[in-house]
């Protein structure tokens, strides 16, 4: 079985990690190959500006 997840978010990634289907492949297809947590980058920038 081949499972394809389009534009995965946090829930989809958690789901794929917990999915246990024997003899299956999981493909994550995202618009970008950048997997940084953007809200944390924003908060880090505000923290450094506020210092």
N, C-alpha and C. Protein backbone atom coordinates (compact mmCIF):
# COMPACT_ATOMS: atom_id res chain seq x y z
N UNK A 1 0.85 -1.16 0.00
CA UNK A 1 0.00 0.00 0.00
C UNK A 1 0.90 1.23 0.00
N UNK A 2 0.56 2.22 -0.80
CA UNK A 2 1.30 3.47 -0.87
C UNK A 2 0.37 4.60 -0.44
N UNK A 3 0.74 5.29 0.63
CA UNK A 3 -0.06 6.40 1.17
C UNK A 3 0.65 7.70 0.82
N UNK A 4 -0.07 8.63 0.21
CA UNK A 4 0.48 9.93 -0.17
C UNK A 4 -0.24 11.00 0.63
N UNK A 5 0.53 11.82 1.35
CA UNK A 5 -0.02 12.92 2.13
C UNK A 5 0.42 14.22 1.46
N UNK A 6 -0.56 15.03 1.01
CA UNK A 6 -0.28 16.28 0.32
C UNK A 6 -0.24 17.44 1.29
N UNK A 7 0.79 18.26 1.18
CA UNK A 7 0.99 19.46 1.99
C UNK A 7 0.80 19.16 3.47
N UNK A 8 1.65 18.33 4.05
CA UNK A 8 1.45 17.89 5.43
C UNK A 8 1.67 19.00 6.44
N UNK A 9 0.84 19.01 7.47
CA UNK A 9 1.00 19.91 8.60
C UNK A 9 1.42 19.11 9.81
N UNK A 10 1.27 19.72 10.98
CA UNK A 10 1.68 19.03 12.20
C UNK A 10 0.87 17.76 12.44
N UNK A 11 -0.43 17.83 12.22
CA UNK A 11 -1.28 16.66 12.43
C UNK A 11 -0.97 15.52 11.48
N UNK A 12 -0.71 15.86 10.23
CA UNK A 12 -0.40 14.83 9.24
C UNK A 12 0.91 14.14 9.55
N UNK A 13 1.91 14.89 9.98
CA UNK A 13 3.20 14.29 10.31
C UNK A 13 3.09 13.38 11.52
N UNK A 14 2.33 13.79 12.51
CA UNK A 14 2.11 12.95 13.69
C UNK A 14 1.37 11.68 13.30
N UNK A 15 0.36 11.83 12.45
CA UNK A 15 -0.40 10.69 11.98
C UNK A 15 0.51 9.68 11.26
N UNK A 16 1.39 10.18 10.40
CA UNK A 16 2.28 9.29 9.64
C UNK A 16 3.25 8.57 10.56
N UNK A 17 3.71 9.24 11.60
CA UNK A 17 4.63 8.59 12.54
C UNK A 17 3.93 7.48 13.31
N UNK A 18 2.65 7.67 13.63
CA UNK A 18 1.93 6.69 14.43
C UNK A 18 1.25 5.61 13.59
N UNK A 19 1.16 5.82 12.29
CA UNK A 19 0.51 4.85 11.42
C UNK A 19 1.37 3.59 11.32
N UNK A 20 0.79 2.48 11.61
CA UNK A 20 1.52 1.22 11.57
C UNK A 20 0.77 0.23 10.68
N UNK A 21 1.00 0.37 9.39
CA UNK A 21 0.39 -0.52 8.41
C UNK A 21 1.52 -1.35 7.80
N UNK A 22 1.47 -2.66 7.96
CA UNK A 22 2.53 -3.51 7.41
C UNK A 22 2.63 -3.37 5.89
N UNK A 23 3.85 -3.40 5.40
CA UNK A 23 4.13 -3.34 3.96
C UNK A 23 3.53 -2.10 3.31
N UNK A 24 3.71 -0.95 3.94
CA UNK A 24 3.19 0.29 3.36
C UNK A 24 4.33 1.30 3.22
N UNK A 25 4.17 2.19 2.25
CA UNK A 25 5.09 3.30 2.05
C UNK A 25 4.30 4.58 2.23
N UNK A 26 4.93 5.58 2.86
CA UNK A 26 4.28 6.87 3.05
C UNK A 26 5.13 7.93 2.37
N UNK A 27 4.49 8.74 1.52
CA UNK A 27 5.17 9.84 0.85
C UNK A 27 4.53 11.15 1.30
N UNK A 28 5.37 12.09 1.76
CA UNK A 28 4.90 13.42 2.12
C UNK A 28 5.27 14.37 0.99
N UNK A 29 4.27 15.02 0.42
CA UNK A 29 4.50 15.95 -0.69
C UNK A 29 4.15 17.34 -0.20
N UNK A 30 5.16 18.22 -0.20
CA UNK A 30 4.97 19.58 0.31
C UNK A 30 5.37 20.57 -0.77
N UNK A 31 4.80 21.77 -0.71
CA UNK A 31 5.14 22.80 -1.70
C UNK A 31 6.59 23.26 -1.57
N UNK A 32 7.11 23.22 -0.36
CA UNK A 32 8.50 23.62 -0.13
C UNK A 32 9.23 22.48 0.56
N UNK A 33 10.53 22.53 0.57
CA UNK A 33 11.29 21.54 1.31
C UNK A 33 11.85 22.14 2.59
N UNK A 34 11.18 23.17 3.09
CA UNK A 34 11.57 23.89 4.29
C UNK A 34 10.67 23.44 5.43
N UNK A 35 11.22 22.81 6.45
CA UNK A 35 10.40 22.25 7.52
C UNK A 35 10.66 22.92 8.86
N UNK A 36 10.88 24.22 8.84
CA UNK A 36 11.10 24.96 10.09
C UNK A 36 9.76 25.35 10.70
N UNK A 37 9.75 25.47 12.00
CA UNK A 37 8.55 25.88 12.71
C UNK A 37 8.50 27.41 12.70
N UNK A 38 7.76 27.96 11.78
CA UNK A 38 7.75 29.41 11.57
C UNK A 38 7.28 30.23 12.78
N UNK A 39 6.26 29.82 13.51
CA UNK A 39 5.86 30.64 14.66
C UNK A 39 6.98 30.82 15.67
N UNK A 40 7.81 29.82 15.85
CA UNK A 40 8.92 29.95 16.79
C UNK A 40 9.98 30.90 16.26
N UNK A 41 10.21 30.93 14.96
CA UNK A 41 11.16 31.89 14.40
C UNK A 41 10.67 33.31 14.62
N UNK A 42 9.40 33.55 14.45
CA UNK A 42 8.82 34.86 14.67
C UNK A 42 8.98 35.29 16.13
N UNK A 43 8.68 34.40 17.05
CA UNK A 43 8.79 34.73 18.46
C UNK A 43 10.25 34.97 18.86
N UNK A 44 11.16 34.23 18.28
CA UNK A 44 12.58 34.43 18.57
C UNK A 44 13.02 35.82 18.10
N UNK A 45 12.55 36.24 16.93
CA UNK A 45 12.90 37.57 16.42
C UNK A 45 12.36 38.65 17.33
N UNK A 46 11.14 38.53 17.79
CA UNK A 46 10.55 39.51 18.70
C UNK A 46 11.32 39.56 20.01
N UNK A 47 11.75 38.39 20.49
CA UNK A 47 12.50 38.33 21.74
C UNK A 47 13.80 39.13 21.61
N UNK A 48 14.51 38.93 20.49
CA UNK A 48 15.80 39.62 20.32
C UNK A 48 15.62 41.11 20.10
N UNK A 49 14.54 41.53 19.45
CA UNK A 49 14.27 42.95 19.26
C UNK A 49 13.94 43.62 20.60
N UNK A 50 13.22 42.90 21.44
CA UNK A 50 12.79 43.43 22.73
C UNK A 50 13.91 43.58 23.74
N UNK A 51 15.06 42.94 23.50
CA UNK A 51 16.17 43.01 24.46
C UNK A 51 16.87 44.33 24.43
